[in-house]
Amino acid sequence: MASVRAASIDWSKLTVTLGLKKETIASLLAFRKRNDEAKRVVAALKQQKSDIDFENYRRILKNKAIVNEAEKVLTQFKPTKVDLDAQLKIVENFEKKAMDYARNTVSRVDTELRDLQATLTNMEQTRPFKDISVDELVKAKPELNDIVEKMVKKGRWKIPGYEEKFGY
């Protein structure tokens, strides 16, 4: 089941779109590299011929006892079972960290979306600029009146940088 999930991952989008931290991306890329290498090794081992023709060796070699001993060792060989609990715990810890990072990312994205939605609502509800009077601007930002008075007293009739930014 995990191999099915791993096969469906779009690795390029995963590292870019989720806004993951550098160490998480490095861990994911290292995992991907190990996974690809393991798949390659398994595929290579599956293609190798695994049966041994002991009769051929008995005909070729003079010392038939060696061939008999090798056949006996091979038939008695039982693979040992490896305890994978330590590796599974590491994977579970990595999964927990990844889920925590994902939850943090989701909460950051949700917060940003709420802020953007509030800004959009504010922009939609704002009156057009042509409908706002000077008195309303001064009421909203009282320091504008002082700034304009100082500019008039100094004989400045243009706002610095206005023409460069907005044209003439």
N, C-alpha and C. Protein backbone atom coordinates (compact mmCIF):
# COMPACT_ATOMS: atom_id res chain seq x y z
N MET A 1 0.82 -1.19 0.00
CA MET A 1 0.00 0.00 0.00
C MET A 1 0.87 1.26 0.00
N ALA A 2 1.96 1.21 0.75
CA ALA A 2 2.86 2.37 0.78
C ALA A 2 3.53 2.57 -0.57
N SER A 3 3.82 1.46 -1.28
CA SER A 3 4.46 1.61 -2.58
C SER A 3 3.51 2.26 -3.58
N VAL A 4 2.22 2.01 -3.43
CA VAL A 4 1.24 2.65 -4.31
C VAL A 4 1.22 4.14 -4.04
N ARG A 5 1.26 4.53 -2.77
CA ARG A 5 1.28 5.95 -2.41
C ARG A 5 2.56 6.62 -2.93
N ALA A 6 3.68 5.94 -2.76
CA ALA A 6 4.96 6.51 -3.18
C ALA A 6 5.00 6.68 -4.69
N ALA A 7 4.38 5.78 -5.41
CA ALA A 7 4.39 5.87 -6.86
C ALA A 7 3.56 7.05 -7.35
N SER A 8 2.59 7.48 -6.58
CA SER A 8 1.71 8.54 -7.03
C SER A 8 2.17 9.93 -6.60
N ILE A 9 3.30 10.03 -5.93
CA ILE A 9 3.79 11.33 -5.47
C ILE A 9 4.44 12.08 -6.62
N ASP A 10 4.06 13.34 -6.78
CA ASP A 10 4.72 14.22 -7.75
C ASP A 10 5.80 14.97 -6.99
N TRP A 11 7.03 14.46 -7.06
CA TRP A 11 8.12 14.96 -6.22
C TRP A 11 8.44 16.42 -6.52
N SER A 12 8.35 16.82 -7.78
CA SER A 12 8.70 18.20 -8.11
C SER A 12 7.72 19.18 -7.49
N LYS A 13 6.44 18.84 -7.51
CA LYS A 13 5.44 19.72 -6.90
C LYS A 13 5.52 19.67 -5.39
N LEU A 14 5.85 18.53 -4.85
CA LEU A 14 5.88 18.36 -3.40
C LEU A 14 6.86 19.31 -2.74
N THR A 15 8.04 19.44 -3.30
CA THR A 15 9.05 20.29 -2.68
C THR A 15 8.80 21.77 -2.90
N VAL A 16 8.06 22.12 -3.96
CA VAL A 16 7.87 23.53 -4.29
C VAL A 16 6.59 24.10 -3.68
N THR A 17 5.48 23.37 -3.80
CA THR A 17 4.18 23.96 -3.48
C THR A 17 3.84 23.97 -2.00
N LEU A 18 4.44 23.13 -1.20
CA LEU A 18 4.03 23.06 0.20
C LEU A 18 4.75 24.05 1.11
N GLY A 19 5.75 24.72 0.61
CA GLY A 19 6.48 25.68 1.44
C GLY A 19 7.19 25.01 2.60
N LEU A 20 7.82 23.87 2.33
CA LEU A 20 8.48 23.11 3.38
C LEU A 20 9.82 23.73 3.74
N LYS A 21 10.29 23.40 4.94
CA LYS A 21 11.59 23.89 5.39
C LYS A 21 12.70 23.14 4.65
N LYS A 22 13.90 23.73 4.67
CA LYS A 22 15.02 23.15 3.94
C LYS A 22 15.36 21.75 4.41
N GLU A 23 15.33 21.53 5.74
CA GLU A 23 15.70 20.19 6.23
C GLU A 23 14.66 19.15 5.84
N THR A 24 13.40 19.55 5.74
CA THR A 24 12.36 18.62 5.32
C THR A 24 12.54 18.26 3.85
N ILE A 25 12.82 19.25 3.04
CA ILE A 25 13.05 19.00 1.61
C ILE A 25 14.27 18.11 1.43
N ALA A 26 15.33 18.37 2.19
CA ALA A 26 16.54 17.55 2.09
C ALA A 26 16.24 16.11 2.50
N SER A 27 15.45 15.93 3.56
CA SER A 27 15.09 14.57 4.00
C SER A 27 14.25 13.87 2.95
N LEU A 28 13.31 14.58 2.35
CA LEU A 28 12.47 13.98 1.31
C LEU A 28 13.30 13.58 0.09
N LEU A 29 14.22 14.44 -0.31
CA LEU A 29 15.05 14.12 -1.47
C LEU A 29 15.99 12.95 -1.18
N ALA A 30 16.51 12.88 0.05
CA ALA A 30 17.36 11.75 0.43
C ALA A 30 16.54 10.46 0.44
N PHE A 31 15.32 10.54 0.96
CA PHE A 31 14.44 9.37 0.97
C PHE A 31 14.14 8.93 -0.46
N ARG A 32 13.85 9.89 -1.33
CA ARG A 32 13.55 9.56 -2.72
C ARG A 32 14.75 8.87 -3.38
N LYS A 33 15.96 9.39 -3.11
CA LYS A 33 17.16 8.80 -3.69
C LYS A 33 17.35 7.36 -3.21
N ARG A 34 17.18 7.15 -1.89
CA ARG A 34 17.32 5.78 -1.35
C ARG A 34 16.25 4.86 -1.93
N ASN A 35 15.04 5.37 -2.07
CA ASN A 35 13.94 4.58 -2.61
C ASN A 35 14.22 4.19 -4.07
N ASP A 36 14.67 5.14 -4.88
CA ASP A 36 14.98 4.84 -6.28
C ASP A 36 16.12 3.83 -6.38
N GLU A 37 17.14 3.98 -5.53
CA GLU A 37 18.26 3.04 -5.54
C GLU A 37 17.80 1.63 -5.14
N ALA A 38 16.95 1.55 -4.12
CA ALA A 38 16.43 0.25 -3.67
C ALA A 38 15.60 -0.40 -4.78
N LYS A 39 14.78 0.38 -5.46
CA LYS A 39 13.99 -0.17 -6.57
C LYS A 39 14.89 -0.70 -7.67
N ARG A 40 15.96 0.05 -7.96
CA ARG A 40 16.88 -0.37 -9.01
C ARG A 40 17.58 -1.68 -8.63
N VAL A 41 18.01 -1.79 -7.38
CA VAL A 41 18.70 -2.99 -6.91
C VAL A 41 17.74 -4.19 -6.93
N VAL A 42 16.52 -4.00 -6.47
CA VAL A 42 15.54 -5.09 -6.47
C VAL A 42 15.26 -5.56 -7.89
N ALA A 43 15.11 -4.63 -8.82
CA ALA A 43 14.85 -5.00 -10.21
C ALA A 43 16.04 -5.78 -10.79
N ALA A 44 17.25 -5.34 -10.47
CA ALA A 44 18.44 -6.04 -10.96
C ALA A 44 18.54 -7.44 -10.37
N LEU A 45 18.24 -7.59 -9.10
CA LEU A 45 18.30 -8.91 -8.46
C LEU A 45 17.22 -9.85 -8.99
N LYS A 46 16.05 -9.32 -9.31
CA LYS A 46 14.98 -10.17 -9.85
C LYS A 46 15.35 -10.72 -11.22
N GLN A 47 16.17 -10.00 -11.97
CA GLN A 47 16.54 -10.45 -13.31
C GLN A 47 17.67 -11.49 -13.30
N GLN A 48 18.37 -11.60 -12.19
CA GLN A 48 19.47 -12.56 -12.12
C GLN A 48 18.92 -13.99 -12.05
N LYS A 49 19.68 -14.89 -12.66
CA LYS A 49 19.32 -16.31 -12.61
C LYS A 49 19.65 -16.83 -11.21
N SER A 50 18.69 -17.48 -10.57
CA SER A 50 18.91 -17.87 -9.17
C SER A 50 19.05 -19.38 -8.96
N ASP A 51 18.83 -20.20 -9.98
CA ASP A 51 18.97 -21.64 -9.77
C ASP A 51 20.41 -22.07 -10.11
N ILE A 52 20.87 -23.09 -9.40
CA ILE A 52 22.24 -23.58 -9.57
C ILE A 52 22.18 -25.02 -10.07
N ASP A 53 22.94 -25.30 -11.11
CA ASP A 53 22.99 -26.65 -11.68
C ASP A 53 24.17 -27.39 -11.06
N PHE A 54 23.88 -28.10 -9.93
CA PHE A 54 24.94 -28.81 -9.22
C PHE A 54 25.46 -30.01 -10.01
N GLU A 55 24.61 -30.63 -10.84
CA GLU A 55 25.06 -31.78 -11.66
C GLU A 55 26.15 -31.35 -12.63
N ASN A 56 26.01 -30.16 -13.17
CA ASN A 56 27.03 -29.64 -14.09
C ASN A 56 28.36 -29.49 -13.36
N TYR A 57 28.33 -28.99 -12.12
CA TYR A 57 29.56 -28.82 -11.34
C TYR A 57 30.16 -30.18 -10.97
N ARG A 58 29.31 -31.18 -10.71
CA ARG A 58 29.83 -32.52 -10.39
C ARG A 58 30.56 -33.13 -11.58
N ARG A 59 30.06 -32.86 -12.78
CA ARG A 59 30.72 -33.38 -13.98
C ARG A 59 32.04 -32.66 -14.25
N ILE A 60 32.06 -31.36 -13.97
CA ILE A 60 33.25 -30.56 -14.30
C ILE A 60 34.36 -30.73 -13.26
N LEU A 61 33.99 -30.71 -11.98
CA LEU A 61 34.99 -30.73 -10.91
C LEU A 61 35.34 -32.16 -10.51
N LYS A 62 36.60 -32.35 -10.13
CA LYS A 62 37.03 -33.66 -9.67
C LYS A 62 36.61 -33.89 -8.23
N ASN A 63 36.61 -32.82 -7.40
CA ASN A 63 36.27 -32.94 -5.99
C ASN A 63 34.75 -32.80 -5.83
N LYS A 64 34.08 -33.94 -5.88
CA LYS A 64 32.62 -33.93 -5.82
C LYS A 64 32.11 -33.66 -4.40
N ALA A 65 32.96 -33.88 -3.40
CA ALA A 65 32.56 -33.63 -2.01
C ALA A 65 32.28 -32.14 -1.78
N ILE A 66 33.05 -31.31 -2.42
CA ILE A 66 32.85 -29.85 -2.29
C ILE A 66 31.49 -29.47 -2.87
N VAL A 67 31.16 -30.04 -4.03
CA VAL A 67 29.87 -29.72 -4.66
C VAL A 67 28.74 -30.22 -3.77
N ASN A 68 28.90 -31.44 -3.21
CA ASN A 68 27.86 -31.97 -2.32
C ASN A 68 27.70 -31.09 -1.08
N GLU A 69 28.81 -30.63 -0.53
CA GLU A 69 28.75 -29.77 0.66
C GLU A 69 28.08 -28.42 0.33
N ALA A 70 28.42 -27.88 -0.82
CA ALA A 70 27.81 -26.60 -1.23
C ALA A 70 26.31 -26.77 -1.43
N GLU A 71 25.90 -27.88 -2.04
CA GLU A 71 24.47 -28.13 -2.25
C GLU A 71 23.76 -28.31 -0.91
N LYS A 72 24.41 -29.00 0.01
CA LYS A 72 23.83 -29.21 1.34
C LYS A 72 23.66 -27.87 2.07
N VAL A 73 24.69 -27.03 2.03
CA VAL A 73 24.61 -25.72 2.69
C VAL A 73 23.50 -24.88 2.07
N LEU A 74 23.39 -24.93 0.76
CA LEU A 74 22.35 -24.13 0.09
C LEU A 74 20.95 -24.63 0.43
N THR A 75 20.76 -25.93 0.47
CA THR A 75 19.42 -26.45 0.79
C THR A 75 19.06 -26.22 2.25
N GLN A 76 20.05 -26.18 3.13
CA GLN A 76 19.78 -25.96 4.56
C GLN A 76 19.68 -24.48 4.92
N PHE A 77 20.02 -23.62 3.99
CA PHE A 77 20.01 -22.18 4.27
C PHE A 77 18.59 -21.69 4.51
N LYS A 78 18.42 -21.03 5.61
CA LYS A 78 17.14 -20.39 5.94
C LYS A 78 17.43 -18.91 6.18
N PRO A 79 16.77 -18.02 5.48
CA PRO A 79 17.02 -16.59 5.71
C PRO A 79 16.59 -16.19 7.11
N THR A 80 17.39 -15.35 7.72
CA THR A 80 17.05 -14.88 9.07
C THR A 80 16.05 -13.74 8.97
N LYS A 81 15.22 -13.68 9.97
CA LYS A 81 14.23 -12.61 10.02
C LYS A 81 14.87 -11.41 10.70
N VAL A 82 14.70 -10.27 10.10
CA VAL A 82 15.28 -9.03 10.61
C VAL A 82 14.19 -8.25 11.33
N ASP A 83 14.54 -7.77 12.52
CA ASP A 83 13.60 -6.96 13.28
C ASP A 83 13.60 -5.54 12.71
N LEU A 84 12.49 -5.15 12.14
CA LEU A 84 12.40 -3.85 11.49
C LEU A 84 11.75 -2.79 12.38
N ASP A 85 11.57 -3.10 13.64
CA ASP A 85 10.89 -2.15 14.54
C ASP A 85 11.64 -0.82 14.62
N ALA A 86 12.96 -0.87 14.69
CA ALA A 86 13.73 0.38 14.79
C ALA A 86 13.54 1.23 13.54
N GLN A 87 13.61 0.59 12.37
CA GLN A 87 13.42 1.34 11.13
C GLN A 87 12.00 1.87 11.02
N LEU A 88 11.02 1.07 11.46
CA LEU A 88 9.63 1.51 11.40
C LEU A 88 9.39 2.69 12.34
N LYS A 89 10.06 2.68 13.49
CA LYS A 89 9.93 3.82 14.41
C LYS A 89 10.52 5.08 13.80
N ILE A 90 11.64 4.94 13.10
CA ILE A 90 12.25 6.09 12.43
C ILE A 90 11.30 6.64 11.38
N VAL A 91 10.70 5.73 10.61
CA VAL A 91 9.74 6.16 9.59
C VAL A 91 8.54 6.84 10.23
N GLU A 92 8.04 6.27 11.33
CA GLU A 92 6.90 6.88 12.02
C GLU A 92 7.25 8.26 12.56
N ASN A 93 8.45 8.41 13.13
CA ASN A 93 8.88 9.72 13.62
C ASN A 93 8.99 10.72 12.47
N PHE A 94 9.54 10.28 11.35
CA PHE A 94 9.63 11.16 10.18
C PHE A 94 8.24 11.55 9.71
N GLU A 95 7.33 10.57 9.71
CA GLU A 95 5.96 10.85 9.28
C GLU A 95 5.30 11.85 10.22
N LYS A 96 5.54 11.70 11.53
CA LYS A 96 4.97 12.65 12.49
C LYS A 96 5.50 14.06 12.25
N LYS A 97 6.83 14.17 12.03
CA LYS A 97 7.41 15.48 11.76
C LYS A 97 6.83 16.07 10.48
N ALA A 98 6.72 15.24 9.46
CA ALA A 98 6.17 15.72 8.19
C ALA A 98 4.72 16.18 8.36
N MET A 99 3.96 15.43 9.15
CA MET A 99 2.56 15.82 9.39
C MET A 99 2.50 17.12 10.18
N ASP A 100 3.40 17.29 11.17
CA ASP A 100 3.43 18.54 11.93
C ASP A 100 3.76 19.72 11.02
N TYR A 101 4.77 19.54 10.16
CA TYR A 101 5.12 20.60 9.22
C TYR A 101 3.94 20.88 8.28
N ALA A 102 3.26 19.82 7.84
CA ALA A 102 2.12 20.01 6.95
C ALA A 102 1.00 20.76 7.66
N ARG A 103 0.74 20.40 8.92
CA ARG A 103 -0.30 21.12 9.67
C ARG A 103 0.07 22.59 9.85
N ASN A 104 1.34 22.85 10.17
CA ASN A 104 1.79 24.24 10.30
C ASN A 104 1.63 24.99 8.99
N THR A 105 1.97 24.33 7.90
CA THR A 105 1.82 24.95 6.59
C THR A 105 0.36 25.24 6.30
N VAL A 106 -0.51 24.28 6.61
CA VAL A 106 -1.94 24.48 6.38
C VAL A 106 -2.45 25.65 7.21
N SER A 107 -2.03 25.74 8.47
CA SER A 107 -2.51 26.84 9.31
C SER A 107 -1.99 28.18 8.79
N ARG A 108 -0.73 28.22 8.32
CA ARG A 108 -0.20 29.47 7.76
C ARG A 108 -0.96 29.87 6.50
N VAL A 109 -1.23 28.89 5.65
CA VAL A 109 -1.96 29.17 4.41
C VAL A 109 -3.38 29.63 4.73
N ASP A 110 -4.04 28.96 5.68
CA ASP A 110 -5.39 29.37 6.07
C ASP A 110 -5.41 30.79 6.61
N THR A 111 -4.44 31.13 7.44
CA THR A 111 -4.36 32.49 7.98
C THR A 111 -4.15 33.50 6.86
N GLU A 112 -3.26 33.17 5.95
CA GLU A 112 -3.00 34.08 4.83
C GLU A 112 -4.23 34.23 3.95
N LEU A 113 -4.95 33.13 3.72
CA LEU A 113 -6.18 33.20 2.92
C LEU A 113 -7.24 34.06 3.60
N ARG A 114 -7.37 33.93 4.92
CA ARG A 114 -8.34 34.77 5.64
C ARG A 114 -7.96 36.24 5.53
N ASP A 115 -6.67 36.53 5.67
CA ASP A 115 -6.22 37.92 5.55
C ASP A 115 -6.48 38.46 4.14
N LEU A 116 -6.18 37.64 3.14
CA LEU A 116 -6.42 38.07 1.76
C LEU A 116 -7.91 38.26 1.48
N GLN A 117 -8.73 37.37 2.05
CA GLN A 117 -10.18 37.50 1.87
C GLN A 117 -10.68 38.78 2.53
N ALA A 118 -10.16 39.09 3.71
CA ALA A 118 -10.56 40.33 4.40
C ALA A 118 -10.13 41.54 3.59
N THR A 119 -8.92 41.50 3.03
CA THR A 119 -8.45 42.61 2.20
C THR A 119 -9.31 42.76 0.96
N LEU A 120 -9.65 41.65 0.33
CA LEU A 120 -10.49 41.69 -0.86
C LEU A 120 -11.87 42.25 -0.54
N THR A 121 -12.45 41.82 0.57
CA THR A 121 -13.75 42.34 0.99
C THR A 121 -13.66 43.84 1.25
N ASN A 122 -12.60 44.26 1.91
CA ASN A 122 -12.39 45.68 2.19
C ASN A 122 -12.27 46.47 0.88
N MET A 123 -11.55 45.91 -0.08
CA MET A 123 -11.39 46.59 -1.37
C MET A 123 -12.72 46.68 -2.11
N GLU A 124 -13.52 45.62 -2.04
CA GLU A 124 -14.81 45.63 -2.74
C GLU A 124 -15.78 46.61 -2.11
N GLN A 125 -15.68 46.80 -0.80
CA GLN A 125 -16.62 47.68 -0.11
C GLN A 125 -16.16 49.14 -0.09
N THR A 126 -14.96 49.41 -0.52
CA THR A 126 -14.44 50.77 -0.51
C THR A 126 -15.13 51.59 -1.60
N ARG A 127 -15.41 52.84 -1.26
CA ARG A 127 -16.02 53.73 -2.24
C ARG A 127 -14.98 54.11 -3.29
N PRO A 128 -15.44 54.42 -4.50
CA PRO A 128 -14.51 54.89 -5.53
C PRO A 128 -13.82 56.18 -5.09
N PHE A 129 -12.61 56.38 -5.53
CA PHE A 129 -11.81 57.54 -5.14
C PHE A 129 -12.50 58.85 -5.52
N LYS A 130 -13.18 58.85 -6.68
CA LYS A 130 -13.82 60.09 -7.14
C LYS A 130 -14.98 60.51 -6.25
N ASP A 131 -15.52 59.57 -5.43
CA ASP A 131 -16.64 59.89 -4.54
C ASP A 131 -16.19 60.38 -3.16
N ILE A 132 -14.89 60.39 -2.90
CA ILE A 132 -14.39 60.80 -1.59
C ILE A 132 -14.05 62.29 -1.62
N SER A 133 -14.51 63.01 -0.61
CA SER A 133 -14.24 64.45 -0.55
C SER A 133 -12.96 64.73 0.22
N VAL A 134 -12.44 65.95 0.08
CA VAL A 134 -11.24 66.37 0.78
C VAL A 134 -11.48 66.34 2.29
N ASP A 135 -12.65 66.78 2.71
CA ASP A 135 -12.97 66.78 4.13
C ASP A 135 -12.92 65.37 4.72
N GLU A 136 -13.38 64.40 3.95
CA GLU A 136 -13.35 63.01 4.43
C GLU A 136 -11.90 62.50 4.52
N LEU A 137 -11.06 62.90 3.58
CA LEU A 137 -9.65 62.51 3.64
C LEU A 137 -8.97 63.11 4.87
N VAL A 138 -9.24 64.39 5.14
CA VAL A 138 -8.64 65.05 6.30
C VAL A 138 -9.16 64.43 7.58
N LYS A 139 -10.44 64.04 7.58
CA LYS A 139 -11.01 63.39 8.77
C LYS A 139 -10.35 62.03 9.00
N ALA A 140 -10.11 61.29 7.93
CA ALA A 140 -9.50 59.97 8.06
C ALA A 140 -8.02 60.06 8.42
N LYS A 141 -7.34 61.06 7.89
CA LYS A 141 -5.90 61.21 8.13
C LYS A 141 -5.62 62.68 8.41
N PRO A 142 -5.77 63.11 9.67
CA PRO A 142 -5.64 64.53 10.02
C PRO A 142 -4.27 65.13 9.70
N GLU A 143 -3.22 64.34 9.68
CA GLU A 143 -1.90 64.88 9.40
C GLU A 143 -1.76 65.38 7.96
N LEU A 144 -2.67 64.97 7.06
CA LEU A 144 -2.63 65.45 5.68
C LEU A 144 -2.79 66.97 5.62
N ASN A 145 -3.67 67.49 6.44
CA ASN A 145 -3.91 68.94 6.46
C ASN A 145 -2.63 69.68 6.82
N ASP A 146 -1.91 69.22 7.82
CA ASP A 146 -0.65 69.86 8.23
C ASP A 146 0.40 69.77 7.12
N ILE A 147 0.48 68.63 6.48
CA ILE A 147 1.46 68.43 5.40
C ILE A 147 1.18 69.39 4.25
N VAL A 148 -0.10 69.50 3.86
CA VAL A 148 -0.47 70.40 2.76
C VAL A 148 -0.18 71.85 3.13
N GLU A 149 -0.50 72.24 4.36
CA GLU A 149 -0.24 73.62 4.79
C GLU A 149 1.26 73.94 4.73
N LYS A 150 2.11 73.01 5.17
CA LYS A 150 3.56 73.22 5.13
C LYS A 150 4.04 73.35 3.69
N MET A 151 3.50 72.50 2.80
CA MET A 151 3.91 72.56 1.39
C MET A 151 3.51 73.88 0.76
N VAL A 152 2.30 74.39 1.09
CA VAL A 152 1.83 75.66 0.53
C VAL A 152 2.70 76.81 1.05
N LYS A 153 3.04 76.79 2.33
CA LYS A 153 3.87 77.85 2.91
C LYS A 153 5.25 77.87 2.26
N LYS A 154 5.78 76.70 1.89
CA LYS A 154 7.10 76.62 1.27
C LYS A 154 7.04 76.84 -0.24
N GLY A 155 5.84 76.96 -0.76
CA GLY A 155 5.68 77.19 -2.20
C GLY A 155 5.83 75.93 -3.03
N ARG A 156 5.65 74.81 -2.45
CA ARG A 156 5.71 73.53 -3.18
C ARG A 156 4.30 73.17 -3.63
N TRP A 157 4.13 73.04 -4.94
CA TRP A 157 2.80 72.73 -5.46
C TRP A 157 2.75 71.32 -6.06
N LYS A 158 3.86 70.63 -6.07
CA LYS A 158 3.90 69.26 -6.61
C LYS A 158 4.34 68.31 -5.50
N ILE A 159 3.80 67.12 -5.56
CA ILE A 159 4.18 66.09 -4.60
C ILE A 159 5.42 65.38 -5.15
N PRO A 160 6.50 65.31 -4.35
CA PRO A 160 7.73 64.67 -4.84
C PRO A 160 7.48 63.21 -5.26
N GLY A 161 7.93 62.86 -6.47
CA GLY A 161 7.83 61.49 -6.95
C GLY A 161 6.50 61.13 -7.60
N TYR A 162 5.52 62.05 -7.59
CA TYR A 162 4.20 61.74 -8.14
C TYR A 162 4.27 61.51 -9.64
N GLU A 163 4.94 62.43 -10.36
CA GLU A 163 5.01 62.33 -11.81
C GLU A 163 5.78 61.08 -12.24
N GLU A 164 6.85 60.76 -11.50
CA GLU A 164 7.63 59.58 -11.85
C GLU A 164 6.82 58.30 -11.66
N LYS A 165 5.98 58.31 -10.65
CA LYS A 165 5.22 57.10 -10.34
C LYS A 165 3.96 56.98 -11.18
N PHE A 166 3.22 58.08 -11.32
CA PHE A 166 1.91 58.00 -11.97
C PHE A 166 1.85 58.66 -13.34
N GLY A 167 2.89 59.34 -13.74
CA GLY A 167 2.88 60.02 -15.04
C GLY A 167 2.26 61.40 -14.92
N TYR A 168 2.12 62.09 -16.05
CA TYR A 168 1.62 63.46 -16.01
C TYR A 168 0.21 63.57 -16.45
